[in-house]
Amino acid sequence: GLWNAFVFFDTYASIDKPKLDGYNPDKSTLNITDKWLIERTNEFIDFATDSYENNAYFKVVEEFEKYTDDLTNWYIRINRRRFWKSEDNDDKLNAYFSLYYALKNTMKVMAPIIPFMTEYMWQEAVRVYEPNEKESVMLSGFATRTYDINDNKLVENAEVVRNIITLAQRLRNENQIKVKQPLKTLFYTGDESIKSVVEEYLQIIKEELNIKEIV
C-alpha cells in the first residue's frame, strides 16, 4: 500500500514538479478529503508513538496496514482526477501537499520496521522536494503533528460515508448492475447527524456510485 502511494505521487509529481518546500496551505482552502487524510495521518502518528513507547511493535504494523489501505483505496482513489487536471493549480497543490504530508510522516513512523524501503522513498521524494531536509530518514527524528486540522470527527464521518458507499456497491453487485451504469436515485435512512455527513460528502458519493440524486 505505501509503495503504491509513493509510486502514484512520484509519477505525477515528476511531471508537475509541485513546489512543496515550505508550503503550508490555508486550512480553509483544503478539500474535505485533504483534511481527512491529514487528520488520519496524525491519528496514525499518535497511535504509533504510543505503541512504540509500550514496545507493541506488532500494533504499529497492524495499524500501518489499515492506514495504507485508507490512503490508497480511499484518498488516492477519489482524488486521482485532481492530480490529472491541468486547471486549478491551487487545488492540485493542496492534493500534493496532503499526500506528501502522509507519505513523509509514514516514512518516519515506519523507518525502524522497514528501513530500506523508507530510506529509498526519503531519497527519491523528500530529498527531491525538500533538499534542505535531513540526509536520511534515520536522522529525521520521529513523526510529529507538524500540520493539524483539530477536527476529530473527520475520520469518524468519513467512515460513515465509506459504509454507505460499500453497502450501495453491494446492492449493485447483488442486482448485477455495474458502476458504469448510472442510476437515478440512492435512498438512505439516518438521523440528522448522518444527513449532515452525507451532505458534506454528497458529490463524492455520487461520483463513486454513479448516482444522480441522493434522498
N, C-alpha and C. Protein backbone atom coordinates (compact mmCIF):
# COMPACT_ATOMS: atom_id res chain seq x y z
N GLY A 1 0.80 -1.20 0.00
CA GLY A 1 0.00 0.00 0.00
C GLY A 1 0.85 1.26 0.00
N LEU A 2 1.84 1.33 0.87
CA LEU A 2 2.70 2.52 0.94
C LEU A 2 3.48 2.67 -0.36
N TRP A 3 3.97 1.57 -0.89
CA TRP A 3 4.74 1.64 -2.13
C TRP A 3 3.87 2.15 -3.28
N ASN A 4 2.63 1.66 -3.36
CA ASN A 4 1.72 2.10 -4.42
C ASN A 4 1.44 3.60 -4.31
N ALA A 5 1.26 4.07 -3.07
CA ALA A 5 1.02 5.51 -2.86
C ALA A 5 2.24 6.32 -3.27
N PHE A 6 3.42 5.82 -2.94
CA PHE A 6 4.66 6.51 -3.31
C PHE A 6 4.81 6.57 -4.83
N VAL A 7 4.55 5.46 -5.51
CA VAL A 7 4.67 5.42 -6.97
C VAL A 7 3.69 6.40 -7.61
N PHE A 8 2.47 6.44 -7.09
CA PHE A 8 1.47 7.38 -7.60
C PHE A 8 1.98 8.81 -7.45
N PHE A 9 2.43 9.15 -6.27
CA PHE A 9 2.94 10.50 -6.02
C PHE A 9 4.13 10.80 -6.93
N ASP A 10 5.07 9.90 -6.99
CA ASP A 10 6.31 10.13 -7.74
C ASP A 10 6.02 10.30 -9.23
N THR A 11 5.06 9.53 -9.74
CA THR A 11 4.73 9.59 -11.16
C THR A 11 4.20 10.96 -11.55
N TYR A 12 3.22 11.46 -10.78
CA TYR A 12 2.60 12.74 -11.14
C TYR A 12 3.46 13.93 -10.71
N ALA A 13 4.12 13.82 -9.58
CA ALA A 13 4.96 14.92 -9.10
C ALA A 13 6.14 15.15 -10.03
N SER A 14 6.66 14.09 -10.63
CA SER A 14 7.79 14.24 -11.55
C SER A 14 7.39 15.01 -12.80
N ILE A 15 6.08 15.01 -13.10
CA ILE A 15 5.58 15.75 -14.26
C ILE A 15 5.28 17.20 -13.87
N ASP A 16 4.56 17.37 -12.73
CA ASP A 16 4.11 18.70 -12.32
C ASP A 16 5.15 19.50 -11.53
N LYS A 17 6.08 18.76 -10.87
CA LYS A 17 7.09 19.40 -10.04
C LYS A 17 6.48 20.44 -9.07
N PRO A 18 5.60 19.99 -8.18
CA PRO A 18 4.96 20.93 -7.24
C PRO A 18 5.97 21.54 -6.28
N LYS A 19 5.78 22.79 -5.94
CA LYS A 19 6.67 23.49 -5.01
C LYS A 19 6.17 23.23 -3.58
N LEU A 20 6.68 22.18 -2.98
CA LEU A 20 6.22 21.75 -1.66
C LEU A 20 7.10 22.25 -0.51
N ASP A 21 8.31 22.67 -0.82
CA ASP A 21 9.24 23.09 0.22
C ASP A 21 8.71 24.36 0.90
N GLY A 22 8.38 24.24 2.18
CA GLY A 22 7.88 25.37 2.94
C GLY A 22 6.42 25.71 2.71
N TYR A 23 5.73 24.89 1.90
CA TYR A 23 4.32 25.18 1.60
C TYR A 23 3.42 24.75 2.75
N ASN A 24 2.61 25.67 3.24
CA ASN A 24 1.63 25.39 4.29
C ASN A 24 0.30 26.04 3.88
N PRO A 25 -0.61 25.27 3.32
CA PRO A 25 -1.85 25.85 2.80
C PRO A 25 -2.76 26.37 3.90
N ASP A 26 -3.56 27.36 3.55
CA ASP A 26 -4.62 27.84 4.42
C ASP A 26 -5.61 26.69 4.58
N LYS A 27 -5.93 26.33 5.80
CA LYS A 27 -6.82 25.18 6.04
C LYS A 27 -8.17 25.34 5.37
N SER A 28 -8.63 26.58 5.21
CA SER A 28 -9.94 26.83 4.61
C SER A 28 -9.96 26.48 3.12
N THR A 29 -8.78 26.35 2.51
CA THR A 29 -8.72 26.04 1.07
C THR A 29 -8.63 24.54 0.81
N LEU A 30 -8.46 23.75 1.85
CA LEU A 30 -8.30 22.31 1.69
C LEU A 30 -9.63 21.62 1.38
N ASN A 31 -9.57 20.65 0.51
CA ASN A 31 -10.70 19.76 0.23
C ASN A 31 -11.03 18.98 1.51
N ILE A 32 -12.29 18.56 1.67
CA ILE A 32 -12.69 17.80 2.86
C ILE A 32 -11.87 16.52 2.99
N THR A 33 -11.50 15.90 1.86
CA THR A 33 -10.71 14.67 1.94
C THR A 33 -9.24 14.96 2.27
N ASP A 34 -8.76 16.15 1.90
CA ASP A 34 -7.41 16.56 2.31
C ASP A 34 -7.36 16.64 3.84
N LYS A 35 -8.35 17.31 4.39
CA LYS A 35 -8.41 17.45 5.86
C LYS A 35 -8.51 16.07 6.52
N TRP A 36 -9.31 15.19 5.91
CA TRP A 36 -9.44 13.84 6.46
C TRP A 36 -8.10 13.13 6.47
N LEU A 37 -7.36 13.18 5.35
CA LEU A 37 -6.08 12.47 5.26
C LEU A 37 -5.09 13.00 6.28
N ILE A 38 -5.03 14.32 6.45
CA ILE A 38 -4.11 14.91 7.42
C ILE A 38 -4.48 14.47 8.83
N GLU A 39 -5.78 14.48 9.16
CA GLU A 39 -6.21 14.05 10.49
C GLU A 39 -5.97 12.55 10.68
N ARG A 40 -6.23 11.75 9.64
CA ARG A 40 -5.99 10.30 9.72
C ARG A 40 -4.50 10.03 9.92
N THR A 41 -3.65 10.79 9.24
CA THR A 41 -2.20 10.64 9.39
C THR A 41 -1.77 11.00 10.81
N ASN A 42 -2.32 12.08 11.33
CA ASN A 42 -1.97 12.49 12.69
C ASN A 42 -2.41 11.46 13.72
N GLU A 43 -3.56 10.84 13.51
CA GLU A 43 -4.01 9.78 14.41
C GLU A 43 -3.07 8.57 14.34
N PHE A 44 -2.59 8.27 13.12
CA PHE A 44 -1.63 7.17 12.95
C PHE A 44 -0.33 7.48 13.69
N ILE A 45 0.13 8.72 13.60
CA ILE A 45 1.34 9.13 14.31
C ILE A 45 1.16 8.94 15.82
N ASP A 46 0.02 9.40 16.35
CA ASP A 46 -0.25 9.28 17.79
C ASP A 46 -0.30 7.82 18.22
N PHE A 47 -0.98 7.00 17.41
CA PHE A 47 -1.11 5.57 17.73
C PHE A 47 0.26 4.90 17.72
N ALA A 48 1.06 5.19 16.69
CA ALA A 48 2.38 4.57 16.57
C ALA A 48 3.31 5.01 17.69
N THR A 49 3.24 6.28 18.06
CA THR A 49 4.08 6.79 19.15
C THR A 49 3.79 6.04 20.43
N ASP A 50 2.52 5.89 20.74
CA ASP A 50 2.12 5.17 21.95
C ASP A 50 2.54 3.70 21.90
N SER A 51 2.38 3.08 20.73
CA SER A 51 2.71 1.66 20.59
C SER A 51 4.21 1.42 20.70
N TYR A 52 5.01 2.27 20.08
CA TYR A 52 6.46 2.15 20.19
C TYR A 52 6.91 2.30 21.65
N GLU A 53 6.34 3.29 22.34
CA GLU A 53 6.73 3.54 23.73
C GLU A 53 6.40 2.36 24.63
N ASN A 54 5.39 1.57 24.23
CA ASN A 54 4.99 0.40 25.01
C ASN A 54 5.51 -0.91 24.41
N ASN A 55 6.47 -0.78 23.47
CA ASN A 55 7.10 -1.95 22.83
C ASN A 55 6.10 -2.85 22.11
N ALA A 56 5.00 -2.28 21.67
CA ALA A 56 3.97 -3.06 20.96
C ALA A 56 4.15 -2.84 19.46
N TYR A 57 5.26 -3.34 18.94
CA TYR A 57 5.60 -3.09 17.54
C TYR A 57 4.61 -3.75 16.59
N PHE A 58 4.04 -4.87 16.98
CA PHE A 58 3.08 -5.55 16.12
C PHE A 58 1.84 -4.70 15.90
N LYS A 59 1.50 -3.87 16.90
CA LYS A 59 0.35 -2.98 16.75
C LYS A 59 0.64 -1.89 15.70
N VAL A 60 1.89 -1.45 15.65
CA VAL A 60 2.27 -0.45 14.63
C VAL A 60 2.06 -1.04 13.24
N VAL A 61 2.48 -2.28 13.06
CA VAL A 61 2.35 -2.95 11.75
C VAL A 61 0.88 -3.13 11.39
N GLU A 62 0.07 -3.56 12.35
CA GLU A 62 -1.36 -3.75 12.10
C GLU A 62 -2.04 -2.45 11.70
N GLU A 63 -1.73 -1.37 12.43
CA GLU A 63 -2.34 -0.09 12.12
C GLU A 63 -1.80 0.48 10.81
N PHE A 64 -0.54 0.23 10.53
CA PHE A 64 0.07 0.65 9.27
C PHE A 64 -0.67 0.05 8.08
N GLU A 65 -1.04 -1.22 8.18
CA GLU A 65 -1.76 -1.88 7.09
C GLU A 65 -3.14 -1.24 6.89
N LYS A 66 -3.82 -0.93 7.98
CA LYS A 66 -5.14 -0.27 7.88
C LYS A 66 -4.98 1.13 7.30
N TYR A 67 -3.97 1.83 7.77
CA TYR A 67 -3.75 3.21 7.33
C TYR A 67 -3.43 3.28 5.84
N THR A 68 -2.54 2.42 5.36
CA THR A 68 -2.18 2.47 3.94
C THR A 68 -3.34 2.04 3.06
N ASP A 69 -4.21 1.18 3.56
CA ASP A 69 -5.41 0.82 2.81
C ASP A 69 -6.32 2.05 2.68
N ASP A 70 -6.46 2.80 3.77
CA ASP A 70 -7.23 4.05 3.73
C ASP A 70 -6.61 5.04 2.74
N LEU A 71 -5.30 5.12 2.77
CA LEU A 71 -4.57 6.07 1.92
C LEU A 71 -4.76 5.76 0.43
N THR A 72 -4.60 4.50 0.07
CA THR A 72 -4.65 4.14 -1.35
C THR A 72 -6.07 3.89 -1.85
N ASN A 73 -6.88 3.21 -1.05
CA ASN A 73 -8.22 2.83 -1.51
C ASN A 73 -9.31 3.83 -1.18
N TRP A 74 -8.94 4.92 -0.52
CA TRP A 74 -9.91 5.98 -0.27
C TRP A 74 -9.37 7.31 -0.80
N TYR A 75 -8.33 7.83 -0.20
CA TYR A 75 -7.87 9.17 -0.60
C TYR A 75 -7.41 9.22 -2.07
N ILE A 76 -6.48 8.36 -2.44
CA ILE A 76 -5.95 8.41 -3.80
C ILE A 76 -7.02 8.09 -4.83
N ARG A 77 -7.84 7.08 -4.52
CA ARG A 77 -8.86 6.69 -5.49
C ARG A 77 -9.83 7.81 -5.80
N ILE A 78 -10.33 8.50 -4.78
CA ILE A 78 -11.35 9.51 -5.02
C ILE A 78 -10.77 10.87 -5.41
N ASN A 79 -9.43 11.01 -5.33
CA ASN A 79 -8.81 12.29 -5.68
C ASN A 79 -7.92 12.22 -6.91
N ARG A 80 -7.86 11.08 -7.57
CA ARG A 80 -6.92 10.93 -8.67
C ARG A 80 -7.12 11.98 -9.78
N ARG A 81 -8.38 12.40 -9.99
CA ARG A 81 -8.64 13.40 -11.04
C ARG A 81 -7.99 14.74 -10.71
N ARG A 82 -7.82 15.03 -9.44
CA ARG A 82 -7.20 16.31 -9.05
C ARG A 82 -5.72 16.35 -9.46
N PHE A 83 -5.10 15.19 -9.55
CA PHE A 83 -3.70 15.13 -9.97
C PHE A 83 -3.59 15.14 -11.50
N TRP A 84 -4.65 14.68 -12.18
CA TRP A 84 -4.62 14.64 -13.64
C TRP A 84 -4.85 16.01 -14.26
N LYS A 85 -5.77 16.77 -13.67
CA LYS A 85 -6.24 18.00 -14.32
C LYS A 85 -5.13 19.06 -14.38
N SER A 86 -5.23 19.92 -15.39
CA SER A 86 -4.23 20.96 -15.57
C SER A 86 -4.68 22.30 -14.98
N GLU A 87 -6.00 22.45 -14.80
CA GLU A 87 -6.50 23.72 -14.27
C GLU A 87 -6.54 23.69 -12.74
N ASP A 88 -6.86 24.84 -12.13
CA ASP A 88 -6.96 25.00 -10.68
C ASP A 88 -5.71 24.48 -9.98
N ASN A 89 -4.59 25.15 -10.20
CA ASN A 89 -3.32 24.72 -9.66
C ASN A 89 -3.28 24.73 -8.13
N ASP A 90 -4.04 25.65 -7.50
CA ASP A 90 -4.07 25.70 -6.04
C ASP A 90 -4.66 24.43 -5.46
N ASP A 91 -5.75 23.96 -6.06
CA ASP A 91 -6.39 22.73 -5.59
C ASP A 91 -5.47 21.53 -5.81
N LYS A 92 -4.81 21.50 -6.95
CA LYS A 92 -3.87 20.41 -7.23
C LYS A 92 -2.72 20.42 -6.23
N LEU A 93 -2.19 21.61 -5.94
CA LEU A 93 -1.08 21.71 -4.99
C LEU A 93 -1.51 21.26 -3.60
N ASN A 94 -2.73 21.55 -3.20
CA ASN A 94 -3.24 21.09 -1.91
C ASN A 94 -3.32 19.57 -1.86
N ALA A 95 -3.69 18.96 -2.98
CA ALA A 95 -3.74 17.50 -3.05
C ALA A 95 -2.33 16.92 -2.92
N TYR A 96 -1.37 17.53 -3.61
CA TYR A 96 0.02 17.09 -3.49
C TYR A 96 0.52 17.25 -2.05
N PHE A 97 0.21 18.41 -1.46
CA PHE A 97 0.65 18.66 -0.08
C PHE A 97 0.11 17.60 0.87
N SER A 98 -1.17 17.27 0.75
CA SER A 98 -1.80 16.31 1.66
C SER A 98 -1.20 14.92 1.50
N LEU A 99 -1.01 14.49 0.25
CA LEU A 99 -0.42 13.18 0.01
C LEU A 99 1.03 13.14 0.47
N TYR A 100 1.76 14.21 0.20
CA TYR A 100 3.17 14.29 0.63
C TYR A 100 3.28 14.27 2.15
N TYR A 101 2.39 15.01 2.81
CA TYR A 101 2.37 15.02 4.28
C TYR A 101 2.18 13.60 4.82
N ALA A 102 1.27 12.86 4.19
CA ALA A 102 1.01 11.48 4.61
C ALA A 102 2.22 10.59 4.37
N LEU A 103 2.80 10.68 3.19
CA LEU A 103 3.94 9.83 2.84
C LEU A 103 5.15 10.12 3.73
N LYS A 104 5.47 11.39 3.87
CA LYS A 104 6.66 11.78 4.63
C LYS A 104 6.57 11.29 6.08
N ASN A 105 5.42 11.49 6.70
CA ASN A 105 5.27 11.07 8.09
C ASN A 105 5.20 9.56 8.24
N THR A 106 4.65 8.89 7.25
CA THR A 106 4.63 7.42 7.30
C THR A 106 6.03 6.87 7.18
N MET A 107 6.86 7.48 6.35
CA MET A 107 8.27 7.07 6.25
C MET A 107 8.94 7.16 7.62
N LYS A 108 8.71 8.25 8.32
CA LYS A 108 9.32 8.45 9.63
C LYS A 108 8.83 7.41 10.64
N VAL A 109 7.52 7.17 10.62
CA VAL A 109 6.93 6.21 11.57
C VAL A 109 7.46 4.80 11.32
N MET A 110 7.55 4.41 10.05
CA MET A 110 7.87 3.02 9.72
C MET A 110 9.36 2.76 9.50
N ALA A 111 10.19 3.78 9.56
CA ALA A 111 11.63 3.60 9.31
C ALA A 111 12.28 2.52 10.19
N PRO A 112 11.93 2.41 11.49
CA PRO A 112 12.55 1.36 12.30
C PRO A 112 12.15 -0.06 11.87
N ILE A 113 11.02 -0.19 11.17
CA ILE A 113 10.50 -1.51 10.82
C ILE A 113 10.82 -1.87 9.37
N ILE A 114 10.69 -0.90 8.45
CA ILE A 114 11.04 -1.16 7.04
C ILE A 114 12.07 -0.10 6.60
N PRO A 115 13.30 -0.21 7.10
CA PRO A 115 14.30 0.85 6.89
C PRO A 115 14.72 1.05 5.44
N PHE A 116 14.87 -0.02 4.67
CA PHE A 116 15.39 0.13 3.32
C PHE A 116 14.36 0.79 2.40
N MET A 117 13.11 0.37 2.50
CA MET A 117 12.06 0.96 1.67
C MET A 117 11.87 2.44 2.01
N THR A 118 11.79 2.75 3.31
CA THR A 118 11.55 4.14 3.70
C THR A 118 12.73 5.03 3.34
N GLU A 119 13.95 4.48 3.43
CA GLU A 119 15.13 5.27 3.05
C GLU A 119 15.12 5.58 1.56
N TYR A 120 14.75 4.59 0.77
CA TYR A 120 14.67 4.81 -0.68
C TYR A 120 13.65 5.89 -0.99
N MET A 121 12.47 5.81 -0.37
CA MET A 121 11.42 6.81 -0.60
C MET A 121 11.88 8.20 -0.14
N TRP A 122 12.59 8.24 0.98
CA TRP A 122 13.08 9.51 1.51
C TRP A 122 14.00 10.19 0.49
N GLN A 123 14.91 9.41 -0.08
CA GLN A 123 15.86 9.97 -1.05
C GLN A 123 15.17 10.39 -2.34
N GLU A 124 14.17 9.61 -2.77
CA GLU A 124 13.52 9.87 -4.05
C GLU A 124 12.38 10.88 -3.97
N ALA A 125 11.89 11.17 -2.78
CA ALA A 125 10.78 12.11 -2.64
C ALA A 125 11.15 13.30 -1.75
N VAL A 126 11.42 13.04 -0.49
CA VAL A 126 11.67 14.13 0.46
C VAL A 126 12.89 14.94 0.07
N ARG A 127 13.99 14.27 -0.26
CA ARG A 127 15.22 14.99 -0.61
C ARG A 127 15.10 15.72 -1.95
N VAL A 128 14.12 15.31 -2.76
CA VAL A 128 13.89 15.98 -4.04
C VAL A 128 13.08 17.26 -3.83
N TYR A 129 12.02 17.17 -3.02
CA TYR A 129 11.12 18.30 -2.86
C TYR A 129 11.45 19.18 -1.66
N GLU A 130 12.26 18.67 -0.75
CA GLU A 130 12.77 19.47 0.36
C GLU A 130 14.26 19.21 0.49
N PRO A 131 15.07 19.79 -0.38
CA PRO A 131 16.51 19.48 -0.41
C PRO A 131 17.25 19.82 0.87
N ASN A 132 16.68 20.66 1.72
CA ASN A 132 17.34 21.02 2.98
C ASN A 132 16.96 20.10 4.14
N GLU A 133 16.13 19.11 3.85
CA GLU A 133 15.76 18.14 4.89
C GLU A 133 16.97 17.28 5.25
N LYS A 134 16.80 16.50 6.33
CA LYS A 134 17.89 15.62 6.78
C LYS A 134 18.32 14.67 5.67
N GLU A 135 19.59 14.28 5.68
CA GLU A 135 20.15 13.46 4.62
C GLU A 135 19.57 12.05 4.60
N SER A 136 19.03 11.62 5.71
CA SER A 136 18.48 10.26 5.80
C SER A 136 17.23 10.29 6.67
N VAL A 137 16.30 9.38 6.38
CA VAL A 137 15.11 9.27 7.22
C VAL A 137 15.50 8.90 8.64
N MET A 138 16.63 8.20 8.78
CA MET A 138 17.09 7.78 10.10
C MET A 138 17.60 8.96 10.94
N LEU A 139 17.84 10.08 10.30
CA LEU A 139 18.31 11.27 11.02
C LEU A 139 17.20 12.31 11.21
N SER A 140 16.02 11.99 10.72
CA SER A 140 14.95 12.99 10.66
C SER A 140 14.14 13.12 11.94
N GLY A 141 14.32 12.19 12.87
CA GLY A 141 13.51 12.23 14.08
C GLY A 141 12.16 11.58 13.85
N PHE A 142 11.43 11.34 14.94
CA PHE A 142 10.14 10.67 14.79
C PHE A 142 9.09 11.66 14.30
N ALA A 143 8.06 11.13 13.67
CA ALA A 143 6.98 11.95 13.12
C ALA A 143 6.23 12.68 14.23
N THR A 144 5.82 13.90 13.94
CA THR A 144 5.01 14.69 14.86
C THR A 144 3.92 15.41 14.07
N ARG A 145 2.96 15.96 14.80
CA ARG A 145 1.86 16.70 14.16
C ARG A 145 2.35 18.09 13.74
N THR A 146 3.01 18.17 12.61
CA THR A 146 3.53 19.46 12.15
C THR A 146 2.45 20.29 11.46
N TYR A 147 1.35 19.67 11.09
CA TYR A 147 0.22 20.39 10.49
C TYR A 147 -1.04 19.75 11.06
N ASP A 148 -1.88 20.54 11.70
CA ASP A 148 -3.02 19.97 12.41
C ASP A 148 -4.33 20.58 11.94
N ILE A 149 -5.37 19.74 11.87
CA ILE A 149 -6.70 20.19 11.47
C ILE A 149 -7.58 20.43 12.69
N ASN A 150 -7.31 19.68 13.77
CA ASN A 150 -8.08 19.81 15.02
C ASN A 150 -9.56 19.54 14.83
N ASP A 151 -9.88 18.45 14.15
CA ASP A 151 -11.27 18.03 13.96
C ASP A 151 -11.32 16.51 14.03
N ASN A 152 -11.57 15.99 15.25
CA ASN A 152 -11.55 14.53 15.43
C ASN A 152 -12.78 13.82 14.87
N LYS A 153 -13.75 14.60 14.32
CA LYS A 153 -14.93 13.98 13.72
C LYS A 153 -14.69 13.61 12.26
N LEU A 154 -13.61 14.12 11.67
CA LEU A 154 -13.35 13.88 10.25
C LEU A 154 -13.22 12.40 9.92
N VAL A 155 -12.44 11.69 10.71
CA VAL A 155 -12.20 10.27 10.45
C VAL A 155 -13.50 9.47 10.66
N GLU A 156 -14.21 9.80 11.72
CA GLU A 156 -15.48 9.12 12.01
C GLU A 156 -16.50 9.37 10.90
N ASN A 157 -16.60 10.60 10.43
CA ASN A 157 -17.56 10.94 9.38
C ASN A 157 -17.23 10.25 8.07
N ALA A 158 -15.95 10.20 7.74
CA ALA A 158 -15.53 9.53 6.50
C ALA A 158 -15.88 8.04 6.55
N GLU A 159 -15.81 7.44 7.73
CA GLU A 159 -16.15 6.03 7.88
C GLU A 159 -17.63 5.81 7.60
N VAL A 160 -18.47 6.75 8.01
CA VAL A 160 -19.90 6.67 7.71
C VAL A 160 -20.12 6.68 6.20
N VAL A 161 -19.46 7.60 5.53
CA VAL A 161 -19.58 7.72 4.07
C VAL A 161 -19.09 6.46 3.37
N ARG A 162 -17.98 5.92 3.82
CA ARG A 162 -17.44 4.71 3.21
C ARG A 162 -18.37 3.53 3.41
N ASN A 163 -19.04 3.47 4.55
CA ASN A 163 -20.02 2.39 4.79
C ASN A 163 -21.20 2.52 3.84
N ILE A 164 -21.67 3.74 3.61
CA ILE A 164 -22.77 3.97 2.67
C ILE A 164 -22.36 3.51 1.27
N ILE A 165 -21.17 3.90 0.85
CA ILE A 165 -20.68 3.52 -0.47
C ILE A 165 -20.54 2.00 -0.59
N THR A 166 -19.99 1.37 0.45
CA THR A 166 -19.81 -0.09 0.43
C THR A 166 -21.15 -0.81 0.32
N LEU A 167 -22.15 -0.38 1.10
CA LEU A 167 -23.47 -1.00 1.06
C LEU A 167 -24.13 -0.81 -0.30
N ALA A 168 -24.01 0.38 -0.87
CA ALA A 168 -24.60 0.65 -2.17
C ALA A 168 -23.92 -0.18 -3.27
N GLN A 169 -22.61 -0.34 -3.17
CA GLN A 169 -21.89 -1.17 -4.14
C GLN A 169 -22.31 -2.63 -4.02
N ARG A 170 -22.57 -3.06 -2.78
CA ARG A 170 -23.04 -4.43 -2.57
C ARG A 170 -24.40 -4.64 -3.22
N LEU A 171 -25.28 -3.63 -3.09
CA LEU A 171 -26.60 -3.72 -3.73
C LEU A 171 -26.47 -3.79 -5.25
N ARG A 172 -25.55 -3.03 -5.79
CA ARG A 172 -25.31 -3.10 -7.23
C ARG A 172 -24.85 -4.50 -7.64
N ASN A 173 -23.92 -5.06 -6.87
CA ASN A 173 -23.41 -6.40 -7.19
C ASN A 173 -24.50 -7.45 -7.10
N GLU A 174 -25.32 -7.36 -6.04
CA GLU A 174 -26.38 -8.34 -5.86
C GLU A 174 -27.39 -8.31 -7.00
N ASN A 175 -27.56 -7.13 -7.58
CA ASN A 175 -28.52 -6.96 -8.68
C ASN A 175 -27.84 -6.91 -10.05
N GLN A 176 -26.53 -7.23 -10.05
CA GLN A 176 -25.73 -7.30 -11.28
C GLN A 176 -25.85 -6.02 -12.12
N ILE A 177 -25.72 -4.89 -11.42
CA ILE A 177 -25.73 -3.58 -12.08
C ILE A 177 -24.35 -2.95 -11.89
N LYS A 178 -23.58 -2.85 -12.93
CA LYS A 178 -22.22 -2.34 -12.82
C LYS A 178 -22.21 -0.83 -12.56
N VAL A 179 -21.11 -0.37 -11.95
CA VAL A 179 -21.00 1.05 -11.58
C VAL A 179 -21.04 1.96 -12.80
N LYS A 180 -20.59 1.47 -13.94
CA LYS A 180 -20.59 2.32 -15.14
C LYS A 180 -22.01 2.64 -15.62
N GLN A 181 -23.00 1.89 -15.15
CA GLN A 181 -24.39 2.19 -15.49
C GLN A 181 -24.95 3.19 -14.48
N PRO A 182 -25.28 4.40 -14.90
CA PRO A 182 -25.80 5.40 -13.95
C PRO A 182 -27.18 5.02 -13.42
N LEU A 183 -27.42 5.36 -12.16
CA LEU A 183 -28.73 5.13 -11.55
C LEU A 183 -29.30 6.47 -11.11
N LYS A 184 -30.63 6.54 -11.09
CA LYS A 184 -31.28 7.82 -10.82
C LYS A 184 -31.16 8.25 -9.36
N THR A 185 -31.53 7.34 -8.42
CA THR A 185 -31.65 7.78 -7.02
C THR A 185 -31.11 6.74 -6.05
N LEU A 186 -30.40 7.22 -5.04
CA LEU A 186 -29.99 6.41 -3.90
C LEU A 186 -30.77 6.89 -2.69
N PHE A 187 -31.49 5.98 -2.05
CA PHE A 187 -32.22 6.32 -0.83
C PHE A 187 -31.43 5.81 0.38
N TYR A 188 -31.35 6.64 1.40
CA TYR A 188 -30.70 6.21 2.64
C TYR A 188 -31.54 6.69 3.81
N THR A 189 -31.35 6.05 4.95
CA THR A 189 -32.08 6.45 6.14
C THR A 189 -31.09 6.69 7.28
N GLY A 190 -31.35 7.72 8.09
CA GLY A 190 -30.46 8.02 9.20
C GLY A 190 -30.92 9.27 9.92
N ASP A 191 -30.28 9.58 11.03
CA ASP A 191 -30.67 10.77 11.80
C ASP A 191 -30.01 12.02 11.20
N GLU A 192 -30.19 13.15 11.87
CA GLU A 192 -29.68 14.42 11.36
C GLU A 192 -28.16 14.44 11.23
N SER A 193 -27.47 13.74 12.13
CA SER A 193 -26.01 13.71 12.06
C SER A 193 -25.55 12.99 10.79
N ILE A 194 -26.25 11.91 10.42
CA ILE A 194 -25.92 11.20 9.19
C ILE A 194 -26.22 12.08 7.99
N LYS A 195 -27.34 12.78 8.06
CA LYS A 195 -27.74 13.66 6.95
C LYS A 195 -26.68 14.73 6.69
N SER A 196 -26.17 15.33 7.75
CA SER A 196 -25.17 16.39 7.58
C SER A 196 -23.88 15.85 6.98
N VAL A 197 -23.52 14.61 7.35
CA VAL A 197 -22.31 13.99 6.81
C VAL A 197 -22.50 13.71 5.32
N VAL A 198 -23.66 13.16 4.97
CA VAL A 198 -23.94 12.85 3.57
C VAL A 198 -23.92 14.13 2.73
N GLU A 199 -24.48 15.19 3.24
CA GLU A 199 -24.49 16.46 2.50
C GLU A 199 -23.08 16.98 2.28
N GLU A 200 -22.22 16.76 3.27
CA GLU A 200 -20.84 17.23 3.16
C GLU A 200 -20.07 16.46 2.09
N TYR A 201 -20.38 15.17 1.97
CA TYR A 201 -19.67 14.30 1.01
C TYR A 201 -20.53 13.97 -0.21
N LEU A 202 -21.56 14.76 -0.45
CA LEU A 202 -22.55 14.45 -1.47
C LEU A 202 -21.95 14.15 -2.84
N GLN A 203 -21.08 15.04 -3.31
CA GLN A 203 -20.52 14.88 -4.65
C GLN A 203 -19.64 13.64 -4.74
N ILE A 204 -18.90 13.36 -3.69
CA ILE A 204 -18.04 12.18 -3.69
C ILE A 204 -18.87 10.90 -3.76
N ILE A 205 -19.96 10.83 -2.99
CA ILE A 205 -20.83 9.65 -3.01
C ILE A 205 -21.43 9.46 -4.40
N LYS A 206 -21.90 10.56 -4.99
CA LYS A 206 -22.49 10.48 -6.33
C LYS A 206 -21.49 9.96 -7.36
N GLU A 207 -20.27 10.46 -7.29
CA GLU A 207 -19.25 10.05 -8.26
C GLU A 207 -18.81 8.61 -8.05
N GLU A 208 -18.67 8.21 -6.80
CA GLU A 208 -18.22 6.85 -6.50
C GLU A 208 -19.25 5.81 -6.92
N LEU A 209 -20.52 6.16 -6.80
CA LEU A 209 -21.60 5.21 -7.07
C LEU A 209 -22.31 5.44 -8.41
N ASN A 210 -21.93 6.52 -9.10
CA ASN A 210 -22.57 6.89 -10.36
C ASN A 210 -24.09 7.06 -10.16
N ILE A 211 -24.42 7.89 -9.18
CA ILE A 211 -25.80 8.17 -8.80
C ILE A 211 -26.12 9.63 -9.12
N LYS A 212 -27.30 9.88 -9.64
CA LYS A 212 -27.68 11.25 -10.00
C LYS A 212 -28.26 12.03 -8.82
N GLU A 213 -28.96 11.35 -7.92
CA GLU A 213 -29.62 12.04 -6.81
C GLU A 213 -29.59 11.17 -5.55
N ILE A 214 -29.45 11.80 -4.41
CA ILE A 214 -29.45 11.09 -3.13
C ILE A 214 -30.57 11.65 -2.27
N VAL A 215 -31.42 10.77 -1.76
CA VAL A 215 -32.60 11.19 -0.95
C VAL A 215 -32.52 10.51 0.39
